[in-house]
Amino acid sequence: MLRVHEFSIAEGLAAQVLANAPAGAHVRDVEIRIGALRGLEPEALLMCWDSVTFGTPLAGATLQIDQRPWSIRCSQCGREWTSPVPFVSCQCGNATPVPSGGDELDLVAISIDEEET
């Protein structure tokens, strides 16, 4: 199922890649970093990327997603750790440690195929 949020992110990302890639270059890979607070589903974003790049100069470019984990801090014992999910219990028994995460959405790298001369 395509989600509107991921679709608009994929459209904006494709526009940013096209604006920053050398003219006429064949983009092979696009690497992004997304924070936990963005609430993006990587599988949905990948499907949307394929959809918005179909028939464009970015068709076939692979989207690599580095999804950052949640940071969790226990208010009782002070322990800090990362987790792929925001609501987990602490080892000390505290059932309500505080989740936090970044809201970054960064274009990290664009890999292109260079033409042989």
PDB file of N, CA and C in Angstrom:
ATOM      1  N   MET A   1       0.833  -1.171   0.000  1.00  0.00           N
ATOM      2  CA  MET A   1       0.000   0.000   0.000  1.00  0.00           C
ATOM      3  C   MET A   1       0.887   1.248   0.000  1.00  0.00           C
ATOM      4  N   LEU A   2       0.649   2.151  -0.929  1.00  0.00           N
ATOM      5  CA  LEU A   2       1.407   3.400  -0.984  1.00  0.00           C
ATOM      6  C   LEU A   2       0.814   4.397  -0.005  1.00  0.00           C
ATOM      7  N   ARG A   3       1.683   5.088   0.687  1.00  0.00           N
ATOM      8  CA  ARG A   3       1.249   6.101   1.640  1.00  0.00           C
ATOM      9  C   ARG A   3       1.590   7.470   1.070  1.00  0.00           C
ATOM     10  N   VAL A   4       0.700   8.425   1.263  1.00  0.00           N
ATOM     11  CA  VAL A   4       0.875   9.772   0.731  1.00  0.00           C
ATOM     12  C   VAL A   4       2.137  10.416   1.287  1.00  0.00           C
ATOM     13  N   HIS A   5       2.409  10.208   2.572  1.00  0.00           N
ATOM     14  CA  HIS A   5       3.583  10.808   3.207  1.00  0.00           C
ATOM     15  C   HIS A   5       4.867  10.352   2.502  1.00  0.00           C
ATOM     16  N   GLU A   6       5.018   9.064   2.306  1.00  0.00           N
ATOM     17  CA  GLU A   6       6.204   8.538   1.640  1.00  0.00           C
ATOM     18  C   GLU A   6       6.269   8.978   0.183  1.00  0.00           C
ATOM     19  N   PHE A   7       5.107   9.077  -0.463  1.00  0.00           N
ATOM     20  CA  PHE A   7       5.086   9.493  -1.868  1.00  0.00           C
ATOM     21  C   PHE A   7       5.600  10.924  -2.019  1.00  0.00           C
ATOM     22  N   SER A   8       5.153  11.829  -1.157  1.00  0.00           N
ATOM     23  CA  SER A   8       5.608  13.221  -1.258  1.00  0.00           C
ATOM     24  C   SER A   8       7.093  13.325  -0.910  1.00  0.00           C
ATOM     25  N   ILE A   9       7.571  12.516   0.044  1.00  0.00           N
ATOM     26  CA  ILE A   9       8.993  12.505   0.374  1.00  0.00           C
ATOM     27  C   ILE A   9       9.794  12.015  -0.830  1.00  0.00           C
ATOM     28  N   ALA A  10       9.333  10.950  -1.482  1.00  0.00           N
ATOM     29  CA  ALA A  10      10.031  10.410  -2.651  1.00  0.00           C
ATOM     30  C   ALA A  10      10.072  11.433  -3.784  1.00  0.00           C
ATOM     31  N   GLU A  11       8.986  12.148  -4.002  1.00  0.00           N
ATOM     32  CA  GLU A  11       8.957  13.183  -5.046  1.00  0.00           C
ATOM     33  C   GLU A  11       9.974  14.285  -4.749  1.00  0.00           C
ATOM     34  N   GLY A  12       9.991  14.766  -3.519  1.00  0.00           N
ATOM     35  CA  GLY A  12      10.936  15.815  -3.138  1.00  0.00           C
ATOM     36  C   GLY A  12      12.377  15.346  -3.224  1.00  0.00           C
ATOM     37  N   LEU A  13      12.613  14.123  -2.823  1.00  0.00           N
ATOM     38  CA  LEU A  13      13.952  13.557  -2.888  1.00  0.00           C
ATOM     39  C   LEU A  13      14.425  13.426  -4.335  1.00  0.00           C
ATOM     40  N   ALA A  14      13.558  12.940  -5.204  1.00  0.00           N
ATOM     41  CA  ALA A  14      13.913  12.815  -6.623  1.00  0.00           C
ATOM     42  C   ALA A  14      14.252  14.184  -7.212  1.00  0.00           C
ATOM     43  N   ALA A  15      13.493  15.198  -6.858  1.00  0.00           N
ATOM     44  CA  ALA A  15      13.777  16.553  -7.355  1.00  0.00           C
ATOM     45  C   ALA A  15      15.120  17.045  -6.845  1.00  0.00           C
ATOM     46  N   GLN A  16      15.424  16.756  -5.582  1.00  0.00           N
ATOM     47  CA  GLN A  16      16.702  17.178  -5.002  1.00  0.00           C
ATOM     48  C   GLN A  16      17.870  16.456  -5.682  1.00  0.00           C
ATOM     49  N   VAL A  17      17.713  15.173  -5.941  1.00  0.00           N
ATOM     50  CA  VAL A  17      18.773  14.407  -6.609  1.00  0.00           C
ATOM     51  C   VAL A  17      19.004  14.957  -8.011  1.00  0.00           C
ATOM     52  N   LEU A  18      17.938  15.189  -8.753  1.00  0.00           N
ATOM     53  CA  LEU A  18      18.080  15.727 -10.113  1.00  0.00           C
ATOM     54  C   LEU A  18      18.744  17.097 -10.104  1.00  0.00           C
ATOM     55  N   ALA A  19      18.451  17.904  -9.101  1.00  0.00           N
ATOM     56  CA  ALA A  19      19.048  19.238  -9.005  1.00  0.00           C
ATOM     57  C   ALA A  19      20.528  19.189  -8.651  1.00  0.00           C
ATOM     58  N   ASN A  20      20.969  18.119  -7.974  1.00  0.00           N
ATOM     59  CA  ASN A  20      22.348  18.050  -7.502  1.00  0.00           C
ATOM     60  C   ASN A  20      23.250  17.107  -8.280  1.00  0.00           C
ATOM     61  N   ALA A  21      22.681  16.246  -9.098  1.00  0.00           N
ATOM     62  CA  ALA A  21      23.497  15.334  -9.906  1.00  0.00           C
ATOM     63  C   ALA A  21      24.022  16.084 -11.128  1.00  0.00           C
ATOM     64  N   PRO A  22      25.222  15.746 -11.587  1.00  0.00           N
ATOM     65  CA  PRO A  22      25.738  16.389 -12.802  1.00  0.00           C
ATOM     66  C   PRO A  22      24.799  16.150 -13.989  1.00  0.00           C
ATOM     67  N   ALA A  23      24.669  17.158 -14.821  1.00  0.00           N
ATOM     68  CA  ALA A  23      23.784  17.059 -15.978  1.00  0.00           C
ATOM     69  C   ALA A  23      24.176  15.865 -16.850  1.00  0.00           C
ATOM     70  N   GLY A  24      23.195  15.067 -17.203  1.00  0.00           N
ATOM     71  CA  GLY A  24      23.418  13.923 -18.078  1.00  0.00           C
ATOM     72  C   GLY A  24      24.031  12.705 -17.409  1.00  0.00           C
ATOM     73  N   ALA A  25      24.330  12.793 -16.116  1.00  0.00           N
ATOM     74  CA  ALA A  25      24.938  11.670 -15.404  1.00  0.00           C
ATOM     75  C   ALA A  25      23.904  10.580 -15.161  1.00  0.00           C
ATOM     76  N   HIS A  26      24.355   9.337 -15.154  1.00  0.00           N
ATOM     77  CA  HIS A  26      23.485   8.219 -14.816  1.00  0.00           C
ATOM     78  C   HIS A  26      23.613   7.961 -13.318  1.00  0.00           C
ATOM     79  N   VAL A  27      22.542   8.258 -12.578  1.00  0.00           N
ATOM     80  CA  VAL A  27      22.544   8.055 -11.129  1.00  0.00           C
ATOM     81  C   VAL A  27      22.331   6.570 -10.857  1.00  0.00           C
ATOM     82  N   ARG A  28      23.268   5.998 -10.100  1.00  0.00           N
ATOM     83  CA  ARG A  28      23.217   4.570  -9.779  1.00  0.00           C
ATOM     84  C   ARG A  28      22.569   4.340  -8.421  1.00  0.00           C
ATOM     85  N   ASP A  29      23.004   5.102  -7.410  1.00  0.00           N
ATOM     86  CA  ASP A  29      22.514   4.933  -6.042  1.00  0.00           C
ATOM     87  C   ASP A  29      22.265   6.285  -5.396  1.00  0.00           C
ATOM     88  N   VAL A  30      21.265   6.313  -4.530  1.00  0.00           N
ATOM     89  CA  VAL A  30      20.961   7.482  -3.725  1.00  0.00           C
ATOM     90  C   VAL A  30      20.890   6.996  -2.281  1.00  0.00           C
ATOM     91  N   GLU A  31      21.662   7.630  -1.404  1.00  0.00           N
ATOM     92  CA  GLU A  31      21.681   7.232  -0.005  1.00  0.00           C
ATOM     93  C   GLU A  31      21.084   8.340   0.843  1.00  0.00           C
ATOM     94  N   ILE A  32      20.134   7.958   1.696  1.00  0.00           N
ATOM     95  CA  ILE A  32      19.512   8.928   2.597  1.00  0.00           C
ATOM     96  C   ILE A  32      19.582   8.418   4.036  1.00  0.00           C
ATOM     97  N   ARG A  33      19.447   9.357   4.967  1.00  0.00           N
ATOM     98  CA  ARG A  33      19.385   9.042   6.398  1.00  0.00           C
ATOM     99  C   ARG A  33      18.092   9.646   6.922  1.00  0.00           C
ATOM    100  N   ILE A  34      17.293   8.827   7.616  1.00  0.00           N
ATOM    101  CA  ILE A  34      16.036   9.327   8.165  1.00  0.00           C
ATOM    102  C   ILE A  34      15.959   9.049   9.667  1.00  0.00           C
ATOM    103  N   GLY A  35      15.482  10.025  10.395  1.00  0.00           N
ATOM    104  CA  GLY A  35      15.341   9.906  11.835  1.00  0.00           C
ATOM    105  C   GLY A  35      14.056   9.207  12.225  1.00  0.00           C
ATOM    106  N   ALA A  36      14.062   8.663  13.409  1.00  0.00           N
ATOM    107  CA  ALA A  36      12.918   7.905  13.915  1.00  0.00           C
ATOM    108  C   ALA A  36      11.635   8.734  13.973  1.00  0.00           C
ATOM    109  N   LEU A  37      11.768  10.027  14.279  1.00  0.00           N
ATOM    110  CA  LEU A  37      10.574  10.875  14.397  1.00  0.00           C
ATOM    111  C   LEU A  37       9.864  11.125  13.069  1.00  0.00           C
ATOM    112  N   ARG A  38      10.518  10.848  11.963  1.00  0.00           N
ATOM    113  CA  ARG A  38       9.886  11.046  10.654  1.00  0.00           C
ATOM    114  C   ARG A  38       8.709  10.108  10.435  1.00  0.00           C
ATOM    115  N   GLY A  39       8.749   8.952  11.069  1.00  0.00           N
ATOM    116  CA  GLY A  39       7.642   8.004  10.935  1.00  0.00           C
ATOM    117  C   GLY A  39       7.519   7.397   9.554  1.00  0.00           C
ATOM    118  N   LEU A  40       8.627   7.320   8.833  1.00  0.00           N
ATOM    119  CA  LEU A  40       8.588   6.756   7.487  1.00  0.00           C
ATOM    120  C   LEU A  40       8.706   5.234   7.530  1.00  0.00           C
ATOM    121  N   GLU A  41       8.000   4.580   6.649  1.00  0.00           N
ATOM    122  CA  GLU A  41       8.115   3.139   6.489  1.00  0.00           C
ATOM    123  C   GLU A  41       9.039   2.884   5.306  1.00  0.00           C
ATOM    124  N   PRO A  42      10.219   2.306   5.540  1.00  0.00           N
ATOM    125  CA  PRO A  42      11.186   2.121   4.455  1.00  0.00           C
ATOM    126  C   PRO A  42      10.635   1.378   3.238  1.00  0.00           C
ATOM    127  N   GLU A  43       9.839   0.334   3.456  1.00  0.00           N
ATOM    128  CA  GLU A  43       9.298  -0.430   2.323  1.00  0.00           C
ATOM    129  C   GLU A  43       8.373   0.432   1.471  1.00  0.00           C
ATOM    130  N   ALA A  44       7.549   1.232   2.121  1.00  0.00           N
ATOM    131  CA  ALA A  44       6.648   2.125   1.396  1.00  0.00           C
ATOM    132  C   ALA A  44       7.440   3.192   0.651  1.00  0.00           C
ATOM    133  N   LEU A  45       8.491   3.713   1.278  1.00  0.00           N
ATOM    134  CA  LEU A  45       9.324   4.728   0.628  1.00  0.00           C
ATOM    135  C   LEU A  45      10.020   4.151  -0.597  1.00  0.00           C
ATOM    136  N   LEU A  46      10.483   2.920  -0.508  1.00  0.00           N
ATOM    137  CA  LEU A  46      11.136   2.277  -1.664  1.00  0.00           C
ATOM    138  C   LEU A  46      10.152   2.095  -2.817  1.00  0.00           C
ATOM    139  N   MET A  47       8.929   1.682  -2.511  1.00  0.00           N
ATOM    140  CA  MET A  47       7.922   1.535  -3.570  1.00  0.00           C
ATOM    141  C   MET A  47       7.605   2.889  -4.200  1.00  0.00           C
ATOM    142  N   CYS A  48       7.493   3.913  -3.386  1.00  0.00           N
ATOM    143  CA  CYS A  48       7.207   5.252  -3.901  1.00  0.00           C
ATOM    144  C   CYS A  48       8.367   5.768  -4.741  1.00  0.00           C
ATOM    145  N   TRP A  49       9.597   5.493  -4.305  1.00  0.00           N
ATOM    146  CA  TRP A  49      10.785   5.902  -5.072  1.00  0.00           C
ATOM    147  C   TRP A  49      10.735   5.278  -6.471  1.00  0.00           C
ATOM    148  N   ASP A  50      10.461   3.993  -6.544  1.00  0.00           N
ATOM    149  CA  ASP A  50      10.367   3.323  -7.843  1.00  0.00           C
ATOM    150  C   ASP A  50       9.277   3.945  -8.696  1.00  0.00           C
ATOM    151  N   SER A  51       8.174   4.312  -8.076  1.00  0.00           N
ATOM    152  CA  SER A  51       7.055   4.903  -8.799  1.00  0.00           C
ATOM    153  C   SER A  51       7.390   6.293  -9.337  1.00  0.00           C
ATOM    154  N   VAL A  52       7.949   7.162  -8.503  1.00  0.00           N
ATOM    155  CA  VAL A  52       8.206   8.541  -8.943  1.00  0.00           C
ATOM    156  C   VAL A  52       9.401   8.641  -9.884  1.00  0.00           C
ATOM    157  N   THR A  53      10.299   7.650  -9.873  1.00  0.00           N
ATOM    158  CA  THR A  53      11.454   7.717 -10.768  1.00  0.00           C
ATOM    159  C   THR A  53      11.223   6.959 -12.081  1.00  0.00           C
ATOM    160  N   PHE A  54      10.150   6.194 -12.162  1.00  0.00           N
ATOM    161  CA  PHE A  54       9.845   5.442 -13.382  1.00  0.00           C
ATOM    162  C   PHE A  54       9.722   6.399 -14.567  1.00  0.00           C
ATOM    163  N   GLY A  55      10.444   6.105 -15.638  1.00  0.00           N
ATOM    164  CA  GLY A  55      10.380   6.927 -16.837  1.00  0.00           C
ATOM    165  C   GLY A  55      11.130   8.245 -16.742  1.00  0.00           C
ATOM    166  N   THR A  56      11.933   8.417 -15.706  1.00  0.00           N
ATOM    167  CA  THR A  56      12.728   9.635 -15.539  1.00  0.00           C
ATOM    168  C   THR A  56      14.204   9.278 -15.663  1.00  0.00           C
ATOM    169  N   PRO A  57      15.086  10.267 -15.672  1.00  0.00           N
ATOM    170  CA  PRO A  57      16.521   9.967 -15.677  1.00  0.00           C
ATOM    171  C   PRO A  57      16.991   9.193 -14.440  1.00  0.00           C
ATOM    172  N   LEU A  58      16.170   9.131 -13.410  1.00  0.00           N
ATOM    173  CA  LEU A  58      16.536   8.403 -12.194  1.00  0.00           C
ATOM    174  C   LEU A  58      16.031   6.958 -12.198  1.00  0.00           C
ATOM    175  N   ALA A  59      15.349   6.561 -13.255  1.00  0.00           N
ATOM    176  CA  ALA A  59      14.816   5.198 -13.325  1.00  0.00           C
ATOM    177  C   ALA A  59      15.944   4.190 -13.128  1.00  0.00           C
ATOM    178  N   GLY A  60      15.714   3.243 -12.247  1.00  0.00           N
ATOM    179  CA  GLY A  60      16.709   2.208 -11.976  1.00  0.00           C
ATOM    180  C   GLY A  60      17.691   2.557 -10.869  1.00  0.00           C
ATOM    181  N   ALA A  61      17.692   3.791 -10.420  1.00  0.00           N
ATOM    182  CA  ALA A  61      18.582   4.177  -9.324  1.00  0.00           C
ATOM    183  C   ALA A  61      18.092   3.524  -8.035  1.00  0.00           C
ATOM    184  N   THR A  62      19.017   2.983  -7.283  1.00  0.00           N
ATOM    185  CA  THR A  62      18.696   2.303  -6.029  1.00  0.00           C
ATOM    186  C   THR A  62      18.665   3.314  -4.890  1.00  0.00           C
ATOM    187  N   LEU A  63      17.609   3.254  -4.085  1.00  0.00           N
ATOM    188  CA  LEU A  63      17.500   4.106  -2.906  1.00  0.00           C
ATOM    189  C   LEU A  63      17.957   3.300  -1.699  1.00  0.00           C
ATOM    190  N   GLN A  64      18.999   3.787  -1.034  1.00  0.00           N
ATOM    191  CA  GLN A  64      19.523   3.137   0.167  1.00  0.00           C
ATOM    192  C   GLN A  64      19.118   3.984   1.368  1.00  0.00           C
ATOM    193  N   ILE A  65      18.451   3.337   2.315  1.00  0.00           N
ATOM    194  CA  ILE A  65      17.895   4.050   3.465  1.00  0.00           C
ATOM    195  C   ILE A  65      18.618   3.648   4.745  1.00  0.00           C
ATOM    196  N   ASP A  66      19.166   4.636   5.422  1.00  0.00           N
ATOM    197  CA  ASP A  66      19.751   4.429   6.748  1.00  0.00           C
ATOM    198  C   ASP A  66      18.743   4.988   7.742  1.00  0.00           C
ATOM    199  N   GLN A  67      17.922   4.105   8.291  1.00  0.00           N
ATOM    200  CA  GLN A  67      16.903   4.549   9.234  1.00  0.00           C
ATOM    201  C   GLN A  67      17.495   4.531  10.634  1.00  0.00           C
ATOM    202  N   ARG A  68      17.579   5.701  11.231  1.00  0.00           N
ATOM    203  CA  ARG A  68      18.177   5.854  12.557  1.00  0.00           C
ATOM    204  C   ARG A  68      17.221   5.321  13.625  1.00  0.00           C
ATOM    205  N   PRO A  69      17.755   4.662  14.646  1.00  0.00           N
ATOM    206  CA  PRO A  69      16.895   4.100  15.694  1.00  0.00           C
ATOM    207  C   PRO A  69      16.434   5.163  16.693  1.00  0.00           C
ATOM    208  N   TRP A  70      15.498   4.764  17.525  1.00  0.00           N
ATOM    209  CA  TRP A  70      15.056   5.598  18.627  1.00  0.00           C
ATOM    210  C   TRP A  70      16.141   5.637  19.694  1.00  0.00           C
ATOM    211  N   SER A  71      16.291   6.754  20.348  1.00  0.00           N
ATOM    212  CA  SER A  71      17.131   6.855  21.538  1.00  0.00           C
ATOM    213  C   SER A  71      16.189   6.750  22.729  1.00  0.00           C
ATOM    214  N   ILE A  72      16.562   5.915  23.682  1.00  0.00           N
ATOM    215  CA  ILE A  72      15.712   5.693  24.853  1.00  0.00           C
ATOM    216  C   ILE A  72      16.521   6.056  26.100  1.00  0.00           C
ATOM    217  N   ARG A  73      15.879   6.767  27.026  1.00  0.00           N
ATOM    218  CA  ARG A  73      16.536   7.126  28.288  1.00  0.00           C
ATOM    219  C   ARG A  73      15.595   6.790  29.429  1.00  0.00           C
ATOM    220  N   CYS A  74      16.138   6.099  30.413  1.00  0.00           N
ATOM    221  CA  CYS A  74      15.363   5.735  31.588  1.00  0.00           C
ATOM    222  C   CYS A  74      15.471   6.851  32.629  1.00  0.00           C
ATOM    223  N   SER A  75      14.328   7.347  33.045  1.00  0.00           N
ATOM    224  CA  SER A  75      14.307   8.425  34.039  1.00  0.00           C
ATOM    225  C   SER A  75      14.588   7.910  35.455  1.00  0.00           C
ATOM    226  N   GLN A  76      14.525   6.610  35.651  1.00  0.00           N
ATOM    227  CA  GLN A  76      14.783   6.054  36.985  1.00  0.00           C
ATOM    228  C   GLN A  76      16.256   5.734  37.205  1.00  0.00           C
ATOM    229  N   CYS A  77      16.881   5.037  36.253  1.00  0.00           N
ATOM    230  CA  CYS A  77      18.272   4.618  36.467  1.00  0.00           C
ATOM    231  C   CYS A  77      19.273   5.394  35.618  1.00  0.00           C
ATOM    232  N   GLY A  78      18.776   6.181  34.639  1.00  0.00           N
ATOM    233  CA  GLY A  78      19.661   6.978  33.803  1.00  0.00           C
ATOM    234  C   GLY A  78      20.243   6.242  32.611  1.00  0.00           C
ATOM    235  N   ARG A  79      19.931   4.967  32.452  1.00  0.00           N
ATOM    236  CA  ARG A  79      20.447   4.180  31.329  1.00  0.00           C
ATOM    237  C   ARG A  79      19.948   4.766  30.007  1.00  0.00           C
ATOM    238  N   GLU A  80      20.833   4.755  28.999  1.00  0.00           N
ATOM    239  CA  GLU A  80      20.472   5.215  27.657  1.00  0.00           C
ATOM    240  C   GLU A  80      20.830   4.128  26.660  1.00  0.00           C
ATOM    241  N   TRP A  81      19.976   3.918  25.660  1.00  0.00           N
ATOM    242  CA  TRP A  81      20.226   2.922  24.625  1.00  0.00           C
ATOM    243  C   TRP A  81      19.424   3.264  23.382  1.00  0.00           C
ATOM    244  N   THR A  82      19.648   2.527  22.324  1.00  0.00           N
ATOM    245  CA  THR A  82      18.884   2.716  21.094  1.00  0.00           C
ATOM    246  C   THR A  82      17.992   1.508  20.881  1.00  0.00           C
ATOM    247  N   SER A  83      16.901   1.730  20.152  1.00  0.00           N
ATOM    248  CA  SER A  83      15.929   0.674  19.902  1.00  0.00           C
ATOM    249  C   SER A  83      15.220   0.949  18.583  1.00  0.00           C
ATOM    250  N   PRO A  84      14.850  -0.099  17.849  1.00  0.00           N
ATOM    251  CA  PRO A  84      14.087   0.125  16.611  1.00  0.00           C
ATOM    252  C   PRO A  84      12.632   0.518  16.882  1.00  0.00           C
ATOM    253  N   VAL A  85      12.173   0.311  18.124  1.00  0.00           N
ATOM    254  CA  VAL A  85      10.812   0.682  18.509  1.00  0.00           C
ATOM    255  C   VAL A  85      10.871   1.660  19.682  1.00  0.00           C
ATOM    256  N   PRO A  86       9.908   2.584  19.777  1.00  0.00           N
ATOM    257  CA  PRO A  86      10.002   3.629  20.799  1.00  0.00           C
ATOM    258  C   PRO A  86       9.539   3.228  22.200  1.00  0.00           C
ATOM    259  N   PHE A  87       8.702   2.226  22.323  1.00  0.00           N
ATOM    260  CA  PHE A  87       8.131   1.916  23.629  1.00  0.00           C
ATOM    261  C   PHE A  87       8.612   0.552  24.108  1.00  0.00           C
ATOM    262  N   VAL A  88       9.615   0.588  24.980  1.00  0.00           N
ATOM    263  CA  VAL A  88      10.205  -0.621  25.543  1.00  0.00           C
ATOM    264  C   VAL A  88      10.456  -0.376  27.030  1.00  0.00           C
ATOM    265  N   SER A  89      10.557  -1.446  27.775  1.00  0.00           N
ATOM    266  CA  SER A  89      10.861  -1.339  29.203  1.00  0.00           C
ATOM    267  C   SER A  89      12.367  -1.324  29.413  1.00  0.00           C
ATOM    268  N   CYS A  90      12.781  -0.699  30.494  1.00  0.00           N
ATOM    269  CA  CYS A  90      14.192  -0.667  30.865  1.00  0.00           C
ATOM    270  C   CYS A  90      14.545  -1.933  31.643  1.00  0.00           C
ATOM    271  N   GLN A  91      15.820  -2.279  31.640  1.00  0.00           N
ATOM    272  CA  GLN A  91      16.294  -3.436  32.396  1.00  0.00           C
ATOM    273  C   GLN A  91      16.064  -3.280  33.895  1.00  0.00           C
ATOM    274  N   CYS A  92      15.980  -2.040  34.369  1.00  0.00           N
ATOM    275  CA  CYS A  92      15.770  -1.804  35.809  1.00  0.00           C
ATOM    276  C   CYS A  92      14.327  -2.059  36.224  1.00  0.00           C
ATOM    277  N   GLY A  93      13.437  -2.269  35.251  1.00  0.00           N
ATOM    278  CA  GLY A  93      12.035  -2.516  35.555  1.00  0.00           C
ATOM    279  C   GLY A  93      11.114  -1.354  35.236  1.00  0.00           C
ATOM    280  N   ASN A  94      11.667  -0.190  34.933  1.00  0.00           N
ATOM    281  CA  ASN A  94      10.849   0.968  34.566  1.00  0.00           C
ATOM    282  C   ASN A  94      10.136   0.657  33.246  1.00  0.00           C
ATOM    283  N   ALA A  95       8.813   0.684  33.270  1.00  0.00           N
ATOM    284  CA  ALA A  95       8.030   0.359  32.082  1.00  0.00           C
ATOM    285  C   ALA A  95       7.807   1.562  31.172  1.00  0.00           C
ATOM    286  N   THR A  96       8.240   2.750  31.602  1.00  0.00           N
ATOM    287  CA  THR A  96       7.973   3.949  30.805  1.00  0.00           C
ATOM    288  C   THR A  96       9.210   4.827  30.620  1.00  0.00           C
ATOM    289  N   PRO A  97      10.301   4.275  30.060  1.00  0.00           N
ATOM    290  CA  PRO A  97      11.428   5.154  29.748  1.00  0.00           C
ATOM    291  C   PRO A  97      11.022   6.117  28.625  1.00  0.00           C
ATOM    292  N   VAL A  98      11.790   7.172  28.461  1.00  0.00           N
ATOM    293  CA  VAL A  98      11.434   8.244  27.535  1.00  0.00           C
ATOM    294  C   VAL A  98      12.111   8.047  26.170  1.00  0.00           C
ATOM    295  N   PRO A  99      11.298   7.869  25.105  1.00  0.00           N
ATOM    296  CA  PRO A  99      11.890   7.761  23.769  1.00  0.00           C
ATOM    297  C   PRO A  99      12.134   9.138  23.171  1.00  0.00           C
ATOM    298  N   SER A 100      13.169   9.237  22.385  1.00  0.00           N
ATOM    299  CA  SER A 100      13.424  10.452  21.610  1.00  0.00           C
ATOM    300  C   SER A 100      14.085  10.013  20.318  1.00  0.00           C
ATOM    301  N   GLY A 101      14.098  10.875  19.377  1.00  0.00           N
ATOM    302  CA  GLY A 101      14.717  10.539  18.110  1.00  0.00           C
ATOM    303  C   GLY A 101      14.852  11.785  17.280  1.00  0.00           C
ATOM    304  N   GLY A 102      15.689  11.672  16.286  1.00  0.00           N
ATOM    305  CA  GLY A 102      15.877  12.793  15.384  1.00  0.00           C
ATOM    306  C   GLY A 102      14.798  12.843  14.326  1.00  0.00           C
ATOM    307  N   ASP A 103      14.612  14.008  13.753  1.00  0.00           N
ATOM    308  CA  ASP A 103      13.655  14.135  12.659  1.00  0.00           C
ATOM    309  C   ASP A 103      14.373  14.424  11.346  1.00  0.00           C
ATOM    310  N   GLU A 104      15.658  14.039  11.294  1.00  0.00           N
ATOM    311  CA  GLU A 104      16.432  14.332  10.097  1.00  0.00           C
ATOM    312  C   GLU A 104      15.917  13.557   8.886  1.00  0.00           C
ATOM    313  N   LEU A 105      16.092  14.158   7.754  1.00  0.00           N
ATOM    314  CA  LEU A 105      15.863  13.529   6.455  1.00  0.00           C
ATOM    315  C   LEU A 105      16.954  14.102   5.563  1.00  0.00           C
ATOM    316  N   ASP A 106      18.076  13.397   5.494  1.00  0.00           N
ATOM    317  CA  ASP A 106      19.263  13.916   4.834  1.00  0.00           C
ATOM    318  C   ASP A 106      19.600  13.119   3.582  1.00  0.00           C
ATOM    319  N   LEU A 107      19.898  13.838   2.519  1.00  0.00           N
ATOM    320  CA  LEU A 107      20.473  13.232   1.332  1.00  0.00           C
ATOM    321  C   LEU A 107      21.957  13.120   1.616  1.00  0.00           C
ATOM    322  N   VAL A 108      22.448  11.890   1.776  1.00  0.00           N
ATOM    323  CA  VAL A 108      23.817  11.653   2.196  1.00  0.00           C
ATOM    324  C   VAL A 108      24.759  11.554   1.005  1.00  0.00           C
ATOM    325  N   ALA A 109      24.353  10.814  -0.038  1.00  0.00           N
ATOM    326  CA  ALA A 109      25.247  10.599  -1.171  1.00  0.00           C
ATOM    327  C   ALA A 109      24.457  10.283  -2.431  1.00  0.00           C
ATOM    328  N   ILE A 110      25.025  10.677  -3.544  1.00  0.00           N
ATOM    329  CA  ILE A 110      24.521  10.323  -4.860  1.00  0.00           C
ATOM    330  C   ILE A 110      25.684   9.650  -5.584  1.00  0.00           C
ATOM    331  N   SER A 111      25.494   8.400  -5.983  1.00  0.00           N
ATOM    332  CA  SER A 111      26.540   7.688  -6.733  1.00  0.00           C
ATOM    333  C   SER A 111      26.150   7.679  -8.204  1.00  0.00           C
ATOM    334  N   ILE A 112      27.101   8.036  -9.036  1.00  0.00           N
ATOM    335  CA  ILE A 112      26.835   8.067 -10.473  1.00  0.00           C
ATOM    336  C   ILE A 112      27.809   7.161 -11.202  1.00  0.00           C
ATOM    337  N   ASP A 113      27.392   6.695 -12.371  1.00  0.00           N
ATOM    338  CA  ASP A 113      28.283   5.948 -13.246  1.00  0.00           C
ATOM    339  C   ASP A 113      28.996   6.953 -14.123  1.00  0.00           C
ATOM    340  N   GLU A 114      30.313   6.899 -14.120  1.00  0.00           N
ATOM    341  CA  GLU A 114      31.080   7.799 -14.972  1.00  0.00           C
ATOM    342  C   GLU A 114      31.249   7.181 -16.339  1.00  0.00           C
ATOM    343  N   GLU A 115      31.121   8.007 -17.354  1.00  0.00           N
ATOM    344  CA  GLU A 115      31.313   7.528 -18.717  1.00  0.00           C
ATOM    345  C   GLU A 115      32.785   7.306 -18.979  1.00  0.00           C
ATOM    346  N   GLU A 116      33.068   6.208 -19.669  1.00  0.00           N
ATOM    347  CA  GLU A 116      34.447   5.934 -20.040  1.00  0.00           C
ATOM    348  C   GLU A 116      34.795   6.723 -21.290  1.00  0.00           C
ATOM    349  N   THR A 117      35.990   7.283 -21.295  1.00  0.00           N
ATOM    350  CA  THR A 117      36.418   8.085 -22.449  1.00  0.00           C
ATOM    351  C   THR A 117      37.475   7.372 -23.230  1.00  0.00           C
TER     352      THR A 117
END
